[in-house]
N, C-alpha and C. Protein backbone atom coordinates (compact mmCIF):
# COMPACT_ATOMS: atom_id res chain seq x y z
N UNK A 1 22.52 -32.33 -18.01
CA UNK A 1 22.60 -31.80 -16.68
C UNK A 1 21.19 -31.80 -16.28
N UNK A 2 20.92 -32.14 -14.94
CA UNK A 2 19.70 -32.25 -14.53
C UNK A 2 18.73 -30.85 -14.21
N UNK A 3 17.68 -30.98 -14.25
CA UNK A 3 16.73 -29.79 -13.93
C UNK A 3 16.70 -29.57 -12.49
N UNK A 4 17.19 -28.52 -11.96
CA UNK A 4 17.26 -28.52 -10.47
C UNK A 4 16.21 -27.39 -10.19
N UNK A 5 15.67 -26.81 -10.98
CA UNK A 5 14.63 -25.91 -10.40
C UNK A 5 13.22 -26.47 -9.80
N UNK A 6 12.86 -27.67 -10.40
CA UNK A 6 11.77 -28.25 -9.80
C UNK A 6 12.06 -29.41 -8.88
N UNK A 7 11.50 -29.38 -7.83
CA UNK A 7 11.67 -30.48 -6.88
C UNK A 7 11.28 -31.93 -7.23
N UNK A 8 11.68 -32.90 -6.42
CA UNK A 8 11.29 -34.20 -7.01
C UNK A 8 9.79 -34.46 -7.03
N UNK A 9 9.10 -33.82 -6.23
CA UNK A 9 7.60 -34.30 -6.02
C UNK A 9 6.80 -33.18 -6.91
N UNK A 10 7.39 -32.19 -7.41
CA UNK A 10 6.64 -31.13 -8.20
C UNK A 10 6.38 -31.51 -9.69
N UNK A 11 5.28 -31.28 -10.15
CA UNK A 11 5.01 -31.50 -11.56
C UNK A 11 4.86 -30.12 -12.28
N UNK A 12 5.32 -30.07 -13.53
CA UNK A 12 5.12 -28.91 -14.27
C UNK A 12 3.53 -29.17 -15.04
N UNK A 13 2.84 -28.07 -14.61
CA UNK A 13 1.31 -28.23 -15.05
C UNK A 13 1.16 -27.29 -16.19
N UNK A 14 0.67 -27.66 -17.24
CA UNK A 14 0.28 -26.74 -18.37
C UNK A 14 -1.35 -26.42 -18.23
N UNK A 15 -1.61 -25.25 -18.07
CA UNK A 15 -2.94 -24.82 -17.76
C UNK A 15 -3.49 -24.05 -19.14
N UNK A 16 -4.76 -24.40 -19.50
CA UNK A 16 -5.34 -23.75 -20.51
C UNK A 16 -5.81 -22.33 -20.22
N UNK A 17 -6.38 -21.81 -21.09
CA UNK A 17 -7.03 -20.28 -20.87
C UNK A 17 -8.16 -20.43 -19.89
N UNK A 18 -8.92 -21.50 -19.80
CA UNK A 18 -10.00 -21.51 -18.94
C UNK A 18 -9.77 -22.11 -17.62
N UNK A 19 -8.53 -22.29 -17.23
CA UNK A 19 -8.16 -22.80 -16.00
C UNK A 19 -7.28 -21.76 -15.17
N UNK A 20 -7.15 -22.04 -13.77
CA UNK A 20 -6.37 -21.16 -13.07
C UNK A 20 -7.07 -20.12 -12.46
N UNK A 21 -6.47 -19.20 -11.55
CA UNK A 21 -7.11 -18.14 -10.89
C UNK A 21 -7.71 -16.97 -11.67
N UNK A 22 -7.23 -16.72 -12.94
CA UNK A 22 -7.72 -15.69 -13.67
C UNK A 22 -8.76 -16.12 -14.73
N UNK A 23 -9.20 -17.14 -14.41
CA UNK A 23 -10.26 -17.77 -15.50
C UNK A 23 -11.59 -16.81 -15.50
N UNK A 24 -12.33 -16.86 -16.51
CA UNK A 24 -13.51 -15.97 -16.66
C UNK A 24 -14.55 -16.32 -15.88
N UNK A 25 -14.99 -17.65 -15.91
CA UNK A 25 -15.98 -18.05 -15.09
C UNK A 25 -15.53 -18.56 -13.70
N UNK A 26 -15.69 -17.83 -12.79
CA UNK A 26 -15.04 -18.12 -11.44
C UNK A 26 -16.17 -18.92 -10.69
N UNK A 27 -15.71 -19.52 -9.58
CA UNK A 27 -16.63 -20.28 -8.70
C UNK A 27 -17.95 -19.60 -8.27
N UNK A 28 -18.85 -20.23 -8.15
CA UNK A 28 -20.05 -19.35 -7.73
C UNK A 28 -20.19 -19.03 -6.35
N UNK A 29 -19.28 -19.64 -5.44
CA UNK A 29 -19.20 -19.28 -4.16
C UNK A 29 -17.67 -19.28 -3.76
N UNK A 30 -17.33 -18.54 -2.61
CA UNK A 30 -15.87 -18.41 -2.31
C UNK A 30 -15.49 -19.81 -1.70
N UNK A 31 -14.17 -20.00 -1.77
CA UNK A 31 -13.55 -21.16 -1.11
C UNK A 31 -13.82 -21.29 0.38
N UNK A 32 -13.49 -20.03 0.92
CA UNK A 32 -13.62 -19.92 2.44
C UNK A 32 -14.61 -18.81 2.66
N UNK A 33 -15.93 -19.09 3.01
CA UNK A 33 -17.03 -18.03 3.31
C UNK A 33 -16.63 -17.18 4.42
N UNK A 34 -15.65 -17.52 5.35
CA UNK A 34 -15.46 -16.58 6.26
C UNK A 34 -14.50 -15.50 5.93
N UNK A 35 -13.90 -15.51 4.82
CA UNK A 35 -13.01 -14.47 4.44
C UNK A 35 -13.82 -13.28 4.03
N UNK A 36 -14.70 -13.26 3.20
CA UNK A 36 -15.60 -12.27 2.82
C UNK A 36 -16.02 -11.16 3.87
N UNK A 37 -16.49 -11.69 4.88
CA UNK A 37 -16.89 -10.66 6.06
C UNK A 37 -15.65 -10.04 6.76
N UNK A 38 -14.62 -10.79 6.72
CA UNK A 38 -13.32 -10.28 7.33
C UNK A 38 -12.80 -9.19 6.52
N UNK A 39 -12.67 -9.34 4.99
CA UNK A 39 -12.25 -8.32 4.11
C UNK A 39 -13.21 -6.96 4.27
N UNK A 40 -14.39 -7.15 4.61
CA UNK A 40 -15.34 -6.06 4.65
C UNK A 40 -15.09 -5.25 5.95
N UNK A 41 -14.36 -5.85 6.92
CA UNK A 41 -14.18 -5.22 8.08
C UNK A 41 -12.79 -4.40 8.40
N UNK A 42 -12.25 -4.28 7.09
CA UNK A 42 -10.81 -3.60 7.22
C UNK A 42 -10.94 -2.20 7.84
N UNK A 43 -9.90 -1.86 8.53
CA UNK A 43 -10.00 -0.68 9.50
C UNK A 43 -9.56 0.60 8.50
N UNK A 44 -10.02 1.68 8.74
CA UNK A 44 -9.66 2.89 7.97
C UNK A 44 -8.47 3.58 8.69
N UNK A 45 -8.42 4.91 8.22
CA UNK A 45 -7.32 5.72 8.66
C UNK A 45 -7.51 5.95 10.15
N UNK A 46 -6.42 5.94 10.88
CA UNK A 46 -6.49 6.22 12.43
C UNK A 46 -5.80 7.63 12.78
N UNK A 47 -6.32 8.06 13.90
CA UNK A 47 -5.58 9.34 14.36
C UNK A 47 -4.16 9.31 14.19
N UNK A 48 -3.39 10.34 14.13
CA UNK A 48 -2.00 10.52 14.31
C UNK A 48 -1.50 10.38 15.64
N UNK A 49 -0.62 9.91 16.09
CA UNK A 49 -0.09 9.46 17.43
C UNK A 49 0.50 10.85 17.98
N UNK A 50 0.62 10.93 19.17
CA UNK A 50 1.13 12.15 19.89
C UNK A 50 2.56 12.53 19.37
N UNK A 51 3.41 11.62 19.18
CA UNK A 51 4.68 11.90 18.72
C UNK A 51 4.70 12.41 17.10
N UNK A 52 3.79 11.90 16.43
CA UNK A 52 3.68 12.30 15.08
C UNK A 52 3.05 13.76 15.06
N UNK A 53 2.23 14.07 15.76
CA UNK A 53 1.74 15.39 15.85
C UNK A 53 2.66 16.35 16.46
N UNK A 54 3.51 16.05 17.32
CA UNK A 54 4.65 16.91 17.91
C UNK A 54 5.62 17.09 16.78
N UNK A 55 6.04 16.09 16.16
CA UNK A 55 7.02 16.30 14.93
C UNK A 55 6.45 17.32 14.07
N UNK A 56 5.25 17.13 13.62
CA UNK A 56 4.66 17.87 12.59
C UNK A 56 4.59 19.35 13.04
N UNK A 57 4.11 19.68 14.12
CA UNK A 57 4.10 21.11 14.74
C UNK A 57 5.55 21.56 14.70
N UNK A 58 6.46 20.71 15.15
CA UNK A 58 7.95 21.16 15.11
C UNK A 58 8.30 21.67 13.60
N UNK A 59 8.02 20.62 12.76
CA UNK A 59 8.42 20.93 11.17
C UNK A 59 7.74 22.29 10.88
N UNK A 60 6.47 22.57 11.18
CA UNK A 60 5.71 23.77 10.77
C UNK A 60 6.39 24.96 11.38
N UNK A 61 6.76 24.85 12.72
CA UNK A 61 7.50 26.17 13.29
C UNK A 61 8.78 26.24 12.56
N UNK A 62 9.61 25.27 12.27
CA UNK A 62 10.77 25.47 11.59
C UNK A 62 10.59 26.19 10.22
N UNK A 63 9.43 25.64 9.45
CA UNK A 63 9.09 26.35 8.27
C UNK A 63 8.85 27.89 8.41
N UNK A 64 7.93 28.16 9.45
CA UNK A 64 7.53 29.48 9.67
C UNK A 64 8.84 30.52 9.91
N UNK A 65 9.73 29.89 10.88
CA UNK A 65 10.95 30.70 11.12
C UNK A 65 11.81 30.85 9.85
N UNK A 66 11.78 30.11 9.10
CA UNK A 66 12.62 30.10 7.89
C UNK A 66 12.13 31.08 7.00
N UNK A 67 10.85 31.46 6.92
CA UNK A 67 10.34 32.48 6.02
C UNK A 67 10.84 33.92 6.41
N UNK A 68 10.88 34.86 5.43
CA UNK A 68 11.26 36.11 5.86
C UNK A 68 10.10 36.87 6.74
N UNK A 69 10.46 37.60 7.48
CA UNK A 69 9.50 38.14 8.56
C UNK A 69 8.36 38.98 8.00
N UNK A 70 8.59 39.90 7.05
CA UNK A 70 7.50 40.75 6.45
C UNK A 70 6.93 40.31 5.17
N UNK A 71 7.46 39.33 4.53
CA UNK A 71 7.06 38.74 3.33
C UNK A 71 7.56 39.79 2.18
N UNK A 72 7.98 40.94 2.48
CA UNK A 72 8.45 41.89 1.50
C UNK A 72 10.09 41.69 1.21
N UNK A 73 10.68 40.84 2.06
CA UNK A 73 12.06 40.56 1.87
C UNK A 73 12.37 39.76 0.64
N UNK A 74 11.29 39.14 0.22
CA UNK A 74 11.42 38.19 -1.02
C UNK A 74 11.28 38.93 -2.42
N UNK A 75 10.94 40.21 -2.24
CA UNK A 75 10.91 41.09 -3.58
C UNK A 75 12.17 41.49 -4.03
N UNK A 76 12.22 41.45 -5.30
CA UNK A 76 13.40 41.94 -5.97
C UNK A 76 13.49 43.49 -6.04
N UNK A 77 14.66 44.16 -5.76
CA UNK A 77 14.48 45.67 -6.09
C UNK A 77 14.35 45.85 -7.54
N UNK A 78 13.56 46.60 -7.92
CA UNK A 78 13.24 46.88 -9.34
C UNK A 78 13.22 48.32 -9.94
């Protein structure tokens, strides 16, 4: 039966331990020098949207309403 996993133009290449992307001695320069500055410009965390803040306040209000009023209702009679 024919091997269908490899296409007709693909070759199976055996790489030694010193070849491939994980090799110890990497290139002295990047393949694309424009990538390094772009990676350094990654954005940080942004502000929450108005909808997210509204939903958070709604959840907080629901949590407060769920709690017992005086805080003493949670004590067991002893």
